[in-house]
């Protein structure tokens, strides 16, 4: 903010330096060698719009998503289906809770066929934490020739993700969740399928030689390399970018695996067994991550009354659909878990 107060002190390099740092840091987090495959975007919906613009759709095809998906990864595909005459397949989980995640993954795999144009889902479901088997889903998607798009907002930064293993065509992440960044900025990885596409905006910063300010009147019609063409206009945000740089540095210092391990130890030491004894359900360990857990609410429970009890005890968790979403991170400790369990005991008494 102090730097922005004196715009006359800004140099040409200041418009590009933090952006390059972010690309390199995020490339390390998702373990890819080429930071030019990273774009800086304002939101998940912006990233999905880029994908929609650069995917060839044909009437009669289908798009596969999961039910109750985050709206920013739904509305784009709803419009695409209306525009091109496609079928939107929102795959619902089985109502049975036993083997809930396994059965949901199987239904997703079964829904992908030779007419599938695109599959778009998260690594974990944002309402209940169900872990999706991205390696198997990605393999099936590639076999059918479809595009594979992953929304990493609910996982990247707390759950390790091996991009070389799942091979998505794009990974879109808002920064304000597990990447610890500010609101209104995000990052996106684009694979080979999309590296030659057309951006949403024809801005001056996404053209070659845009760092040569005196030469800007000599228009260049070639884009900057690979995914950088997709950068949002006015990408050189002198407040948000330094914040995201420091956030990504912190994550790399802490280690993504360490964060997931910390959350695992935290929830498995006290939470899982005790809430089960209170009649709340949690998915099997291999069907959930440790940083985002869906505690299934029994059907006979008054959700509004439960929410009021949690609020009264200053337990900040989210009720989403028929689940309580518990999202621990390294700033939580066993006292926080105890407070949550105590509130559930109070509700049940």
Protein backbone atom coordinates (compact mmCIF):
# COMPACT_ATOMS: atom_id res chain seq x y z
CA UNK A 1 0.00 0.00 0.00
CA UNK A 2 2.89 2.35 0.75
CA UNK A 3 4.40 1.60 -2.65
CA UNK A 4 1.12 2.36 -4.40
CA UNK A 5 0.91 5.76 -2.69
CA UNK A 6 3.80 6.97 -4.84
CA UNK A 7 3.00 5.80 -8.38
CA UNK A 8 5.84 7.87 -9.83
CA UNK A 9 8.29 5.49 -8.12
CA UNK A 10 6.89 2.44 -9.93
CA UNK A 11 9.05 1.00 -12.67
CA UNK A 12 8.12 -1.20 -15.63
CA UNK A 13 9.46 -4.29 -13.88
CA UNK A 14 7.04 -3.73 -10.99
CA UNK A 15 4.15 -4.60 -13.33
CA UNK A 16 5.57 -8.09 -13.92
CA UNK A 17 7.83 -9.10 -11.03
CA UNK A 18 5.24 -10.25 -8.48
CA UNK A 19 3.23 -12.06 -11.14
CA UNK A 20 6.29 -14.08 -12.12
CA UNK A 21 6.96 -14.89 -8.47
CA UNK A 22 3.40 -16.18 -8.08
CA UNK A 23 3.68 -18.38 -11.18
CA UNK A 24 6.92 -19.91 -9.95
CA UNK A 25 5.65 -20.47 -6.41
CA UNK A 26 2.38 -22.02 -7.52
CA UNK A 27 4.20 -24.22 -10.04
CA UNK A 28 6.23 -25.58 -7.10
CA UNK A 29 3.09 -26.21 -5.05
CA UNK A 30 1.45 -28.27 -7.80
CA UNK A 31 4.78 -29.75 -8.90
CA UNK A 32 5.01 -28.72 -12.54
CA UNK A 33 8.26 -27.65 -14.25
CA UNK A 34 6.98 -24.81 -16.47
CA UNK A 35 5.63 -21.71 -14.70
CA UNK A 36 4.49 -20.31 -18.05
CA UNK A 37 1.52 -22.70 -17.74
CA UNK A 38 0.17 -20.63 -14.84
CA UNK A 39 -2.27 -17.75 -15.36
CA UNK A 40 -3.35 -15.19 -12.77
CA UNK A 41 -7.13 -14.83 -12.69
CA UNK A 42 -9.68 -13.04 -10.49
CA UNK A 43 -12.00 -15.98 -9.75
CA UNK A 44 -12.93 -19.59 -10.48
CA UNK A 45 -15.77 -18.46 -12.76
CA UNK A 46 -13.23 -16.51 -14.85
CA UNK A 47 -11.12 -19.64 -15.28
CA UNK A 48 -14.13 -21.74 -16.23
CA UNK A 49 -15.15 -19.11 -18.79
CA UNK A 50 -11.71 -19.44 -20.41
CA UNK A 51 -12.23 -23.20 -20.67
CA UNK A 52 -15.73 -22.76 -22.11
CA UNK A 53 -14.45 -20.33 -24.75
CA UNK A 54 -11.64 -22.65 -25.84
CA UNK A 55 -13.40 -26.02 -25.91
CA UNK A 56 -15.01 -27.35 -29.09
CA UNK A 57 -18.51 -28.53 -28.23
CA UNK A 58 -20.85 -30.48 -30.52
CA UNK A 59 -24.59 -30.92 -30.21
CA UNK A 60 -25.45 -34.21 -28.54
CA UNK A 61 -22.44 -34.30 -26.25
CA UNK A 62 -22.59 -34.20 -22.45
CA UNK A 63 -20.77 -32.49 -19.58
CA UNK A 64 -20.22 -34.39 -16.32
CA UNK A 65 -20.16 -32.60 -12.95
CA UNK A 66 -21.15 -33.61 -9.42
CA UNK A 67 -24.41 -32.65 -7.77
CA UNK A 68 -24.42 -29.73 -5.32
CA UNK A 69 -21.14 -28.52 -6.78
CA UNK A 70 -19.90 -24.99 -6.03
CA UNK A 71 -22.01 -22.69 -8.28
CA UNK A 72 -18.98 -21.09 -9.96
CA UNK A 73 -18.25 -24.52 -11.43
CA UNK A 74 -21.86 -25.12 -12.49
CA UNK A 75 -23.37 -22.00 -14.07
CA UNK A 76 -20.82 -21.90 -16.89
CA UNK A 77 -21.63 -25.48 -17.90
CA UNK A 78 -25.37 -24.88 -17.61
CA UNK A 79 -25.07 -22.04 -20.11
CA UNK A 80 -22.80 -24.07 -22.43
CA UNK A 81 -25.33 -26.91 -22.45
CA UNK A 82 -28.13 -24.52 -23.33
CA UNK A 83 -26.08 -22.85 -26.07
CA UNK A 84 -24.79 -26.01 -27.77
CA UNK A 85 -27.56 -28.48 -27.01
CA UNK A 86 -25.56 -30.60 -24.57
CA UNK A 87 -26.71 -32.73 -21.66
CA UNK A 88 -25.53 -31.66 -18.19
CA UNK A 89 -24.99 -34.75 -16.05
CA UNK A 90 -24.89 -33.78 -12.36
CA UNK A 91 -23.98 -37.05 -10.66
CA UNK A 92 -25.66 -37.56 -7.30
CA UNK A 93 -24.26 -39.73 -4.51
CA UNK A 94 -25.99 -42.88 -3.37
CA UNK A 95 -28.36 -42.25 -0.45
CA UNK A 96 -26.74 -45.06 1.53
CA UNK A 97 -23.99 -43.74 3.78
CA UNK A 98 -21.90 -46.92 3.90
CA UNK A 99 -19.28 -46.77 1.15
CA UNK A 100 -20.72 -43.36 0.27
CA UNK A 101 -17.57 -41.93 -1.39
CA UNK A 102 -16.63 -45.14 -3.22
CA UNK A 103 -20.09 -45.48 -4.75
CA UNK A 104 -20.16 -41.80 -5.77
CA UNK A 105 -16.82 -42.15 -7.54
CA UNK A 106 -18.08 -45.25 -9.34
CA UNK A 107 -21.18 -43.40 -10.55
CA UNK A 108 -19.01 -40.57 -11.90
CA UNK A 109 -16.84 -43.04 -13.82
CA UNK A 110 -19.94 -44.73 -15.25
CA UNK A 111 -21.33 -41.37 -16.43
CA UNK A 112 -18.29 -40.58 -18.60
CA UNK A 113 -18.66 -41.96 -22.12
CA UNK A 114 -17.62 -41.34 -25.73
CA UNK A 115 -20.07 -38.43 -25.95
CA UNK A 116 -18.61 -36.64 -22.95
CA UNK A 117 -17.05 -33.31 -23.94
CA UNK A 118 -15.84 -32.24 -20.52
CA UNK A 119 -15.65 -33.38 -16.90
CA UNK A 120 -15.45 -30.65 -14.23
CA UNK A 121 -15.27 -31.31 -10.49
CA UNK A 122 -13.24 -30.62 -7.36
CA UNK A 123 -10.67 -32.78 -5.60
CA UNK A 124 -12.96 -32.79 -2.56
CA UNK A 125 -16.64 -31.88 -2.52
CA UNK A 126 -17.09 -28.46 -0.99
CA UNK A 127 -20.14 -29.37 1.13
CA UNK A 128 -19.19 -32.70 2.69
CA UNK A 129 -15.50 -33.27 1.97
CA UNK A 130 -15.94 -36.38 -0.19
CA UNK A 131 -12.61 -37.22 -1.78
CA UNK A 132 -12.82 -37.78 -5.53
CA UNK A 133 -10.45 -40.27 -7.16
CA UNK A 134 -8.95 -37.86 -9.68
CA UNK A 135 -6.41 -40.33 -11.04
CA UNK A 136 -9.08 -42.83 -12.09
CA UNK A 137 -11.51 -40.14 -13.27
CA UNK A 138 -8.76 -38.44 -15.27
CA UNK A 139 -7.78 -41.71 -16.93
CA UNK A 140 -11.38 -42.46 -17.89
CA UNK A 141 -11.83 -38.91 -19.20
CA UNK A 142 -8.73 -39.19 -21.41
CA UNK A 143 -9.88 -42.56 -22.76
CA UNK A 144 -13.07 -40.87 -23.95
CA UNK A 145 -11.22 -37.88 -25.42
CA UNK A 146 -12.90 -35.40 -23.08
CA UNK A 147 -11.39 -32.39 -21.30
CA UNK A 148 -10.67 -32.87 -17.60
CA UNK A 149 -11.09 -29.72 -15.48
CA UNK A 150 -10.38 -29.65 -11.73
CA UNK A 151 -11.49 -26.93 -9.32
CA UNK A 152 -8.75 -27.03 -6.68
CA UNK A 153 -10.11 -24.22 -4.51
CA UNK A 154 -11.19 -26.53 -1.69
CA UNK A 155 -7.96 -28.54 -1.55
CA UNK A 156 -4.83 -27.02 -3.11
CA UNK A 157 -2.74 -25.61 -0.29
CA UNK A 158 -3.80 -28.20 2.29
CA UNK A 159 -3.97 -31.48 0.35
CA UNK A 160 -1.04 -32.65 -1.82
CA UNK A 161 -1.94 -32.92 -5.50
CA UNK A 162 0.23 -34.77 -8.01
CA UNK A 163 -0.55 -33.11 -11.33
CA UNK A 164 1.62 -35.53 -13.32
CA UNK A 165 -0.50 -38.37 -11.93
CA UNK A 166 -3.98 -36.97 -12.55
CA UNK A 167 -3.05 -35.02 -15.74
CA UNK A 168 -5.88 -32.46 -15.77
CA UNK A 169 -6.31 -30.19 -18.76
CA UNK A 170 -6.81 -27.30 -16.34
CA UNK A 171 -6.66 -26.69 -12.60
CA UNK A 172 -8.50 -23.59 -11.39
CA UNK A 173 -8.01 -22.20 -7.86
CA UNK A 174 -9.38 -19.20 -6.03
CA UNK A 175 -6.65 -17.95 -3.68
CA UNK A 176 -8.75 -16.97 -0.67
CA UNK A 177 -9.29 -20.53 0.62
CA UNK A 178 -6.45 -22.97 1.30
CA UNK A 179 -3.87 -20.91 -0.58
CA UNK A 180 -4.20 -18.35 2.25
CA UNK A 181 -4.37 -15.48 -0.22
CA UNK A 182 -6.63 -12.43 -0.50
CA UNK A 183 -10.06 -12.27 -2.10
CA UNK A 184 -10.53 -11.44 -5.83
CA UNK A 185 -7.44 -13.23 -7.09
CA UNK A 186 -6.67 -16.80 -8.12
CA UNK A 187 -4.31 -18.96 -10.13
CA UNK A 188 -4.90 -21.46 -12.89
CA UNK A 189 -2.82 -24.17 -14.52
CA UNK A 190 -3.50 -24.93 -18.19
CA UNK A 191 -2.31 -28.11 -19.88
CA UNK A 192 -1.33 -28.55 -23.54
CA UNK A 193 -4.96 -28.77 -24.71
CA UNK A 194 -5.50 -25.09 -23.85
CA UNK A 195 -2.11 -23.43 -24.26
CA UNK A 196 -2.90 -22.05 -27.72
CA UNK A 197 -6.31 -20.62 -26.90
CA UNK A 198 -7.95 -17.20 -27.09
CA UNK A 199 -8.13 -15.19 -23.83
CA UNK A 200 -11.29 -13.56 -22.52
CA UNK A 201 -9.62 -10.13 -22.66
CA UNK A 202 -7.32 -8.51 -25.21
CA UNK A 203 -5.32 -6.50 -22.71
CA UNK A 204 -1.94 -4.89 -23.17
CA UNK A 205 -0.22 -6.96 -20.48
CA UNK A 206 -0.86 -10.30 -22.15
CA UNK A 207 1.08 -9.36 -25.32
CA UNK A 208 4.74 -9.95 -26.05
CA UNK A 209 7.14 -7.10 -25.22
CA UNK A 210 4.52 -5.44 -23.01
CA UNK A 211 7.34 -4.67 -20.56
CA UNK A 212 8.76 -2.16 -23.04
CA UNK A 213 6.61 0.85 -22.21
CA UNK A 214 7.97 3.28 -24.83
CA UNK A 215 7.11 0.72 -27.53
CA UNK A 216 3.49 0.08 -26.49
CA UNK A 217 2.13 2.16 -29.37
CA UNK A 218 3.73 -0.31 -31.77
CA UNK A 219 1.00 -2.91 -31.30
CA UNK A 220 1.97 -6.54 -30.93
CA UNK A 221 -0.54 -9.22 -31.87
CA UNK A 222 1.35 -12.16 -30.42
CA UNK A 223 0.42 -13.29 -26.94
CA UNK A 224 2.86 -13.86 -24.11
CA UNK A 225 3.89 -17.52 -23.71
CA UNK A 226 1.41 -20.31 -23.04
CA UNK A 227 -1.07 -19.66 -20.19
CA UNK A 228 0.09 -16.10 -19.50
CA UNK A 229 -2.20 -15.04 -22.36
CA UNK A 230 -5.14 -15.78 -20.03
CA UNK A 231 -4.12 -13.29 -17.31
CA UNK A 232 -6.89 -10.97 -16.21
CA UNK A 233 -6.67 -7.35 -17.33
CA UNK A 234 -4.78 -5.09 -14.89
CA UNK A 235 -3.13 -8.22 -13.51
CA UNK A 236 -0.41 -6.08 -11.88
CA UNK A 237 -2.41 -5.50 -8.70
CA UNK A 238 0.12 -3.81 -6.42
CA UNK A 239 -1.77 -4.78 -3.24
CA UNK A 240 -3.16 -8.27 -3.89
CA UNK A 241 -0.14 -9.77 -5.65
CA UNK A 242 2.40 -9.19 -2.85
CA UNK A 243 -0.11 -10.66 -0.39
CA UNK A 244 -0.45 -13.81 -2.48
CA UNK A 245 3.32 -14.05 -2.94
CA UNK A 246 3.81 -14.16 0.83
CA UNK A 247 0.95 -16.62 1.30
CA UNK A 248 2.42 -19.09 -1.21
CA UNK A 249 5.87 -18.70 0.34
CA UNK A 250 4.38 -19.59 3.73
CA UNK A 251 2.72 -22.72 2.34
CA UNK A 252 5.98 -23.91 0.83
CA UNK A 253 7.82 -23.19 4.08
CA UNK A 254 5.26 -25.18 6.09
CA UNK A 255 4.89 -27.96 3.50
CA UNK A 256 1.52 -29.06 2.08
CA UNK A 257 2.01 -32.63 3.32
CA UNK A 258 2.78 -31.32 6.81
CA UNK A 259 -0.46 -29.32 6.81
CA UNK A 260 -2.49 -32.38 5.81
CA UNK A 261 -0.70 -34.52 8.42
CA UNK A 262 -1.36 -31.93 11.13
CA UNK A 263 -5.07 -31.87 10.26
CA UNK A 264 -5.17 -35.67 10.15
CA UNK A 265 -3.67 -35.99 13.63
CA UNK A 266 -6.00 -33.30 14.95
CA UNK A 267 -9.27 -34.82 13.74
CA UNK A 268 -8.35 -38.46 14.30
CA UNK A 269 -7.13 -37.93 17.86
CA UNK A 270 -10.53 -36.79 19.21
CA UNK A 271 -13.11 -35.86 16.64
CA UNK A 272 -14.06 -38.91 14.59
CA UNK A 273 -14.90 -41.41 17.31
CA UNK A 274 -16.71 -39.00 19.58
CA UNK A 275 -19.05 -37.53 16.99
CA UNK A 276 -19.91 -41.05 15.81
CA UNK A 277 -20.95 -41.89 19.37
CA UNK A 278 -23.27 -38.87 19.26
CA UNK A 279 -25.05 -40.26 16.19
CA UNK A 280 -23.33 -38.14 13.54
CA UNK A 281 -21.74 -39.90 10.59
CA UNK A 282 -18.34 -39.43 8.95
CA UNK A 283 -17.16 -41.11 5.77
CA UNK A 284 -14.56 -43.86 5.81
CA UNK A 285 -10.97 -42.64 6.02
CA UNK A 286 -10.05 -43.46 2.41
CA UNK A 287 -13.06 -41.46 1.16
CA UNK A 288 -12.23 -38.19 2.90
CA UNK A 289 -9.39 -35.72 3.32
CA UNK A 290 -8.34 -34.44 6.74
CA UNK A 291 -8.67 -30.70 6.11
CA UNK A 292 -12.33 -30.71 5.03
CA UNK A 293 -14.64 -33.20 6.69
CA UNK A 294 -18.35 -33.60 6.20
CA UNK A 295 -20.18 -34.60 9.35
CA UNK A 296 -23.47 -36.04 8.13
CA UNK A 297 -26.49 -34.78 10.07
CA UNK A 298 -29.15 -37.43 10.85
CA UNK A 299 -32.47 -36.73 9.12
CA UNK A 300 -34.36 -36.32 12.39
CA UNK A 301 -32.13 -33.43 13.54
CA UNK A 302 -33.42 -29.85 13.39
CA UNK A 303 -30.63 -28.18 11.42
CA UNK A 304 -31.57 -24.63 12.45
CA UNK A 305 -31.51 -25.60 16.13
CA UNK A 306 -28.12 -27.27 15.65
CA UNK A 307 -26.75 -24.16 13.92
CA UNK A 308 -27.99 -21.97 16.78
CA UNK A 309 -26.24 -24.20 19.33
CA UNK A 310 -22.97 -24.00 17.41
CA UNK A 311 -23.29 -20.22 17.04
CA UNK A 312 -24.05 -19.78 20.72
CA UNK A 313 -20.88 -21.68 21.60
CA UNK A 314 -18.88 -19.65 19.05
CA UNK A 315 -18.04 -22.77 17.06
CA UNK A 316 -17.44 -21.56 13.51
CA UNK A 317 -18.29 -24.40 11.16
CA UNK A 318 -20.53 -24.34 8.11
CA UNK A 319 -23.78 -26.20 7.66
CA UNK A 320 -24.04 -27.13 3.99
CA UNK A 321 -27.02 -29.19 2.91
CA UNK A 322 -27.24 -32.22 5.23
CA UNK A 323 -23.65 -31.91 6.45
CA UNK A 324 -21.60 -29.91 8.91
CA UNK A 325 -18.42 -28.89 7.13
CA UNK A 326 -15.44 -28.98 9.49
CA UNK A 327 -12.35 -27.31 8.01
CA UNK A 328 -9.35 -27.41 10.36
CA UNK A 329 -5.98 -25.90 9.54
CA UNK A 330 -2.73 -25.28 11.38
CA UNK A 331 -4.22 -22.39 13.36
CA UNK A 332 -6.57 -24.88 15.08
CA UNK A 333 -5.69 -27.06 18.05
CA UNK A 334 -7.27 -29.71 20.28
CA UNK A 335 -9.12 -27.06 22.30
CA UNK A 336 -11.04 -26.10 19.18
CA UNK A 337 -11.97 -29.72 18.53
CA UNK A 338 -13.10 -30.08 22.16
CA UNK A 339 -15.28 -26.97 21.84
CA UNK A 340 -16.98 -28.45 18.78
CA UNK A 341 -17.60 -31.79 20.51
CA UNK A 342 -18.89 -30.04 23.63
CA UNK A 343 -21.39 -28.08 21.51
CA UNK A 344 -22.65 -31.31 19.92
CA UNK A 345 -23.02 -32.87 23.40
CA UNK A 346 -24.97 -29.80 24.49
CA UNK A 347 -27.23 -30.09 21.45
CA UNK A 348 -27.89 -33.78 22.10
CA UNK A 349 -28.60 -33.32 25.83
